[in-house]
Amino acid sequence: MLEFKSLALEDRDLINTYLQKQNYRASDLCFTNLYCWGKKFDTQFAVNDGWLFIRFKDNKGRNSYLKPIGDGDLKEGIDAIMADHRSFDTVFQIRGITQEMMEEIEQAMPGMFDYSLNRSVSDYIYTTEKLIHLKGKKLQSKRNHINRFQRENEWKYKSLTGNPELVKECKRMLDKWMEVNMEEKDPSLVYDDFATTQMLDHFEFFNLRGGLICVNNEIVAFTIGEPLTEDTIVVHVEKAFADIHGAYSIINQQFVEHETAGFTYVNREEDMGIENLRKAKLSYQPDILLEKYNARLKV
């Protein structure tokens, strides 16, 4: 039987020995996300016979798993989580499955599962070149927003990487941002605030990188990300004051310009089914929409 436990900071290196071997580019497969969002999803892990297993609750509180990560016979890994799930009274499901993962599961266990697209957790992936230069007619509005911001403000970009005092300043900006945005009464903002605070509190431990925009010595935007795979950076957090025209556009562009050297892609994570967020992420013309599926046993 698998022995699951909640993620702790001291589990980082063990879990990363598995995660760093995969190249799915999926934002779920990142210790920072697993740990910082673990409170919301009751995320747990187990390691057995060369496999990393991740167990969590979906938004309806149902027991769920990510695809086992490791080498060897994938069927044995899936059989292990199916056996673990027998103690639960919900439908067995593997979530966050990319097309590549689906093909691997089908090869190991052909015809066992039905797959359904979960559009709200599909990842938006862009080339670093696109987000830095914003070339072409379709991205003209992004360039316009940045140009207007630069005309109207005395501004400066500062890197958070290796600057713990600036990271502390971002915590104060986050508090102000929450005060402004809590009027939306979005319950997910509480978990977002908790996750972002965890990232700022453990910025160096998680090997994060980031940047901020100052206007008149006040932080108006910041971003946090980290390497996800050999060719992909993932952006975990992007905060800006929406009443400052172009603040979101310029922190997006400046972070990629200054913090992503050597990487081909930027994964800006999912839209959570939020209409405005989906519209914003589509407006940057993603190069890859990394679709994710839920797998359930065929009846």
Protein backbone atom coordinates (compact mmCIF):
# COMPACT_ATOMS: atom_id res chain seq x y z
CA MET A 1 0.00 0.00 0.00
CA LEU A 2 1.15 3.54 -0.74
CA GLU A 3 1.84 5.79 2.23
CA PHE A 4 0.82 9.34 1.38
CA LYS A 5 1.84 12.41 3.38
CA SER A 6 1.30 16.13 3.06
CA LEU A 7 4.05 18.04 1.31
CA ALA A 8 6.62 19.77 3.53
CA LEU A 9 9.47 22.06 2.58
CA GLU A 10 12.00 19.37 3.39
CA ASP A 11 10.44 17.16 0.69
CA ARG A 12 11.54 19.53 -2.08
CA ASP A 13 14.73 17.75 -3.14
CA LEU A 14 13.17 14.28 -3.11
CA ILE A 15 10.18 15.37 -5.20
CA ASN A 16 12.37 17.36 -7.58
CA THR A 17 14.50 14.29 -8.35
CA TYR A 18 11.38 12.96 -10.11
CA LEU A 19 9.92 16.18 -11.52
CA GLN A 20 13.19 17.29 -13.09
CA LYS A 21 13.31 14.15 -15.26
CA GLN A 22 10.06 14.96 -17.09
CA ASN A 23 9.55 17.39 -19.95
CA TYR A 24 5.77 17.68 -20.22
CA ARG A 25 5.86 21.50 -19.70
CA ALA A 26 2.75 21.14 -17.49
CA SER A 27 2.55 23.71 -14.69
CA ASP A 28 1.16 21.11 -12.25
CA LEU A 29 4.51 19.29 -12.22
CA CYS A 30 6.38 21.84 -10.16
CA PHE A 31 7.17 21.60 -6.45
CA THR A 32 6.39 25.28 -5.89
CA ASN A 33 2.86 24.90 -7.23
CA LEU A 34 2.26 21.59 -5.46
CA TYR A 35 3.40 23.01 -2.12
CA CYS A 36 1.98 26.53 -2.27
CA TRP A 37 -1.47 25.40 -3.47
CA GLY A 38 -1.41 22.31 -1.25
CA LYS A 39 -3.63 23.96 1.35
CA LYS A 40 -6.46 24.41 -1.15
CA PHE A 41 -6.20 20.98 -2.73
CA ASP A 42 -5.00 18.92 0.26
CA THR A 43 -2.05 17.79 -1.86
CA GLN A 44 -0.13 14.71 -0.71
CA PHE A 45 2.62 12.56 -2.17
CA ALA A 46 4.09 9.08 -1.94
CA VAL A 47 7.26 7.55 -3.35
CA ASN A 48 7.44 3.84 -4.09
CA ASP A 49 9.38 1.57 -6.47
CA GLY A 50 10.84 4.46 -8.47
CA TRP A 51 7.54 6.33 -8.83
CA LEU A 52 6.32 9.66 -7.51
CA PHE A 53 2.59 9.70 -6.79
CA ILE A 54 0.59 12.91 -6.24
CA ARG A 55 -2.87 12.74 -4.64
CA PHE A 56 -5.17 15.73 -4.13
CA LYS A 57 -8.79 16.89 -3.98
CA ASP A 58 -10.45 18.51 -6.97
CA ASN A 59 -12.67 21.59 -6.66
CA LYS A 60 -15.58 19.38 -5.61
CA GLY A 61 -13.57 17.58 -2.93
CA ARG A 62 -13.20 14.36 -4.90
CA ASN A 63 -10.06 12.26 -4.55
CA SER A 64 -7.80 12.69 -7.59
CA TYR A 65 -4.30 11.82 -8.82
CA LEU A 66 -1.77 13.18 -11.25
CA LYS A 67 -0.17 10.75 -13.67
CA PRO A 68 2.57 8.85 -11.79
CA ILE A 69 6.02 10.27 -12.58
CA GLY A 70 8.95 7.91 -12.92
CA ASP A 71 10.62 5.27 -15.04
CA GLY A 72 9.57 1.69 -15.54
CA ASP A 73 6.19 0.11 -16.19
CA LEU A 74 3.52 2.83 -16.13
CA LYS A 75 0.81 0.19 -15.73
CA GLU A 76 2.28 -0.76 -12.36
CA GLY A 77 2.24 2.88 -11.29
CA ILE A 78 -1.40 3.34 -12.28
CA ASP A 79 -2.36 0.02 -10.69
CA ALA A 80 -0.83 1.33 -7.44
CA ILE A 81 -3.01 4.47 -7.34
CA MET A 82 -6.08 2.47 -8.37
CA ALA A 83 -5.47 0.20 -5.38
CA ASP A 84 -4.98 3.25 -3.12
CA HIS A 85 -8.26 4.76 -4.34
CA ARG A 86 -10.30 1.77 -3.14
CA SER A 87 -10.47 3.39 0.30
CA PHE A 88 -12.39 6.34 -1.21
CA ASP A 89 -16.03 6.38 -2.30
CA THR A 90 -15.61 8.68 -5.30
CA VAL A 91 -14.93 7.86 -8.96
CA PHE A 92 -11.28 7.09 -9.71
CA GLN A 93 -9.75 9.87 -11.77
CA ILE A 94 -6.37 11.02 -13.06
CA ARG A 95 -6.37 14.74 -13.79
CA GLY A 96 -4.09 17.15 -15.63
CA ILE A 97 -3.27 14.69 -18.42
CA THR A 98 -1.60 16.20 -21.50
CA GLN A 99 -1.86 14.62 -24.95
CA GLU A 100 1.62 13.18 -24.49
CA MET A 101 0.65 11.63 -21.16
CA MET A 102 -2.55 10.24 -22.68
CA GLU A 103 -0.57 8.47 -25.38
CA GLU A 104 1.71 6.93 -22.75
CA ILE A 105 -1.25 5.74 -20.68
CA GLU A 106 -2.92 4.26 -23.75
CA GLN A 107 0.24 2.41 -24.66
CA ALA A 108 0.50 0.99 -21.13
CA MET A 109 -3.22 0.31 -20.60
CA PRO A 110 -5.01 0.43 -23.98
CA GLY A 111 -8.74 1.14 -23.92
CA MET A 112 -9.01 1.36 -20.12
CA PHE A 113 -9.94 5.03 -19.82
CA ASP A 114 -12.29 7.67 -21.15
CA TYR A 115 -10.73 11.13 -21.46
CA SER A 116 -12.52 14.47 -21.17
CA LEU A 117 -10.97 17.86 -21.90
CA ASN A 118 -10.65 20.15 -18.87
CA ARG A 119 -10.24 23.46 -20.68
CA SER A 120 -10.06 25.58 -17.52
CA VAL A 121 -6.74 23.99 -16.42
CA SER A 122 -5.11 23.89 -19.86
CA ASP A 123 -1.83 25.84 -19.92
CA TYR A 124 -1.00 28.83 -22.12
CA ILE A 125 2.53 28.62 -23.51
CA TYR A 126 4.30 31.33 -25.52
CA THR A 127 7.74 31.71 -27.02
CA THR A 128 10.01 34.06 -25.09
CA GLU A 129 10.72 35.87 -28.37
CA LYS A 130 7.02 36.65 -28.84
CA LEU A 131 6.53 38.04 -25.32
CA ILE A 132 9.68 40.17 -25.49
CA HIS A 133 9.20 41.74 -28.93
CA LEU A 134 5.39 41.59 -29.36
CA LYS A 135 5.74 41.73 -33.13
CA GLY A 136 2.89 41.79 -35.61
CA LYS A 137 -0.55 43.32 -36.03
CA LYS A 138 -2.26 40.96 -33.56
CA LEU A 139 -0.03 42.21 -30.73
CA GLN A 140 -0.16 45.89 -31.71
CA SER A 141 -2.44 46.70 -28.77
CA LYS A 142 0.11 45.24 -26.34
CA ARG A 143 2.81 47.47 -27.76
CA ASN A 144 0.44 50.43 -27.52
CA HIS A 145 -0.25 49.74 -23.83
CA ILE A 146 3.48 49.56 -23.08
CA ASN A 147 4.27 52.69 -25.07
CA ARG A 148 1.57 54.62 -23.22
CA PHE A 149 2.83 53.37 -19.86
CA GLN A 150 6.36 54.48 -20.72
CA ARG A 151 5.15 57.92 -21.86
CA GLU A 152 3.04 58.56 -18.77
CA ASN A 153 5.36 57.28 -16.04
CA GLU A 154 8.86 57.60 -14.66
CA TRP A 155 9.48 53.91 -14.22
CA LYS A 156 12.16 51.33 -13.56
CA TYR A 157 12.41 47.53 -13.74
CA LYS A 158 14.18 45.79 -10.85
CA SER A 159 15.02 42.10 -10.57
CA LEU A 160 13.90 40.20 -7.48
CA THR A 161 16.45 37.50 -8.13
CA GLY A 162 19.10 37.78 -5.42
CA ASN A 163 17.38 40.81 -3.83
CA PRO A 164 15.63 39.69 -0.61
CA GLU A 165 14.80 43.25 0.48
CA LEU A 166 12.84 43.82 -2.73
CA VAL A 167 11.00 40.53 -2.15
CA LYS A 168 9.88 41.89 1.24
CA GLU A 169 8.66 45.06 -0.47
CA CYS A 170 6.53 42.91 -2.78
CA LYS A 171 4.75 41.48 0.27
CA ARG A 172 3.66 45.00 1.18
CA MET A 173 2.51 45.62 -2.38
CA LEU A 174 0.57 42.32 -2.26
CA ASP A 175 -1.28 43.49 0.86
CA LYS A 176 -2.31 46.67 -0.94
CA TRP A 177 -3.32 44.70 -4.04
CA MET A 178 -5.53 42.42 -1.93
CA GLU A 179 -7.24 45.41 -0.30
CA VAL A 180 -8.12 46.75 -3.75
CA ASN A 181 -9.27 43.44 -5.24
CA MET A 182 -11.10 41.74 -2.37
CA GLU A 183 -14.19 43.71 -3.39
CA GLU A 184 -14.55 41.17 -6.20
CA LYS A 185 -15.55 38.66 -3.49
CA ASP A 186 -13.78 35.89 -5.40
CA PRO A 187 -13.16 33.13 -2.80
CA SER A 188 -10.16 31.85 -4.76
CA LEU A 189 -8.34 35.12 -4.01
CA VAL A 190 -7.78 33.94 -0.42
CA TYR A 191 -5.90 30.88 -1.66
CA ASP A 192 -4.11 32.96 -4.28
CA ASP A 193 -2.94 35.35 -1.56
CA PHE A 194 -1.77 32.43 0.59
CA ALA A 195 0.12 30.80 -2.31
CA THR A 196 1.75 34.07 -3.37
CA THR A 197 2.80 34.80 0.21
CA GLN A 198 4.36 31.34 0.46
CA MET A 199 6.37 32.05 -2.68
CA LEU A 200 7.59 35.38 -1.34
CA ASP A 201 8.40 33.91 2.08
CA HIS A 202 10.44 31.08 0.54
CA PHE A 203 11.63 32.85 -2.59
CA GLU A 204 15.26 31.73 -2.45
CA PHE A 205 14.45 28.25 -1.12
CA PHE A 206 12.21 27.57 -4.13
CA ASN A 207 14.93 28.97 -6.46
CA LEU A 208 12.43 31.45 -7.85
CA ARG A 209 13.18 34.42 -10.04
CA GLY A 210 11.14 37.56 -10.48
CA GLY A 211 10.94 41.23 -11.22
CA LEU A 212 9.03 44.37 -10.35
CA ILE A 213 8.09 47.70 -11.85
CA CYS A 214 8.51 50.89 -9.81
CA VAL A 215 6.79 54.18 -10.55
CA ASN A 216 8.00 57.09 -8.42
CA ASN A 217 9.71 54.57 -6.10
CA GLU A 218 6.44 52.69 -5.51
CA ILE A 219 5.95 49.09 -6.66
CA VAL A 220 3.05 48.93 -9.13
CA ALA A 221 3.60 45.40 -10.47
CA PHE A 222 5.62 42.25 -9.83
CA THR A 223 5.98 38.77 -11.28
CA ILE A 224 7.33 35.48 -9.91
CA GLY A 225 8.41 32.48 -11.97
CA GLU A 226 11.00 29.70 -12.23
CA PRO A 227 12.45 27.15 -14.63
CA LEU A 228 9.95 24.35 -15.26
CA THR A 229 11.78 22.17 -17.79
CA GLU A 230 14.99 22.51 -19.79
CA ASP A 231 13.37 24.86 -22.29
CA THR A 232 10.43 26.36 -20.36
CA ILE A 233 9.97 28.99 -17.65
CA VAL A 234 6.70 28.99 -15.71
CA VAL A 235 5.09 32.21 -14.44
CA HIS A 236 3.35 31.59 -11.11
CA VAL A 237 2.30 35.10 -10.14
CA GLU A 238 1.63 38.39 -11.90
CA LYS A 239 0.25 41.26 -9.84
CA ALA A 240 -0.30 44.83 -10.95
CA PHE A 241 -2.57 47.73 -10.09
CA ALA A 242 -5.15 47.72 -12.86
CA ASP A 243 -5.80 51.46 -12.53
CA ILE A 244 -2.29 52.14 -13.85
CA HIS A 245 -2.66 51.79 -17.59
CA GLY A 246 -0.26 49.23 -19.07
CA ALA A 247 1.14 47.99 -15.74
CA TYR A 248 0.22 44.37 -16.49
CA SER A 249 1.54 44.60 -20.04
CA ILE A 250 4.91 45.99 -19.09
CA ILE A 251 5.65 43.62 -16.19
CA ASN A 252 4.80 40.73 -18.49
CA GLN A 253 7.21 41.94 -21.17
CA GLN A 254 9.99 43.09 -18.84
CA PHE A 255 10.06 39.88 -16.78
CA VAL A 256 10.53 37.79 -19.91
CA GLU A 257 13.16 40.16 -21.31
CA HIS A 258 15.26 40.15 -18.13
CA GLU A 259 14.69 36.77 -16.45
CA THR A 260 14.30 34.10 -19.14
CA ALA A 261 17.64 34.01 -21.00
CA GLY A 262 18.32 30.55 -22.40
CA PHE A 263 14.68 29.44 -22.38
CA THR A 264 12.48 29.03 -25.45
CA TYR A 265 9.02 29.02 -23.84
CA VAL A 266 7.04 30.69 -21.08
CA ASN A 267 4.16 28.75 -19.49
CA ARG A 268 1.71 31.29 -18.08
CA GLU A 269 -0.44 28.57 -16.50
CA GLU A 270 -4.20 28.15 -16.81
CA ASP A 271 -7.18 30.51 -16.82
CA MET A 272 -9.21 28.60 -14.17
CA GLY A 273 -12.30 29.07 -16.33
CA ILE A 274 -12.38 32.80 -15.55
CA GLU A 275 -13.68 34.59 -18.66
CA ASN A 276 -11.60 37.78 -18.32
CA LEU A 277 -8.44 35.80 -17.60
CA ARG A 278 -9.06 33.55 -20.60
CA LYS A 279 -9.57 36.55 -22.84
CA ALA A 280 -6.35 38.15 -21.58
CA LYS A 281 -4.26 35.02 -22.10
CA LEU A 282 -5.70 34.36 -25.55
CA SER A 283 -4.98 37.98 -26.52
CA TYR A 284 -1.25 37.22 -26.36
CA GLN A 285 -1.72 34.57 -29.08
CA PRO A 286 -0.36 31.43 -27.34
CA ASP A 287 2.02 29.32 -29.41
CA ILE A 288 0.89 26.21 -27.55
CA LEU A 289 -2.39 25.64 -25.75
CA LEU A 290 -1.36 22.67 -23.61
CA GLU A 291 -4.69 20.92 -23.30
CA LYS A 292 -5.26 18.82 -20.19
CA TYR A 293 -7.71 15.98 -19.75
CA ASN A 294 -9.33 14.01 -16.97
CA ALA A 295 -9.18 10.22 -17.23
CA ARG A 296 -11.80 7.91 -15.77
CA LEU A 297 -12.19 4.16 -16.10
CA LYS A 298 -14.57 3.11 -18.85
CA VAL A 299 -17.86 1.79 -17.55
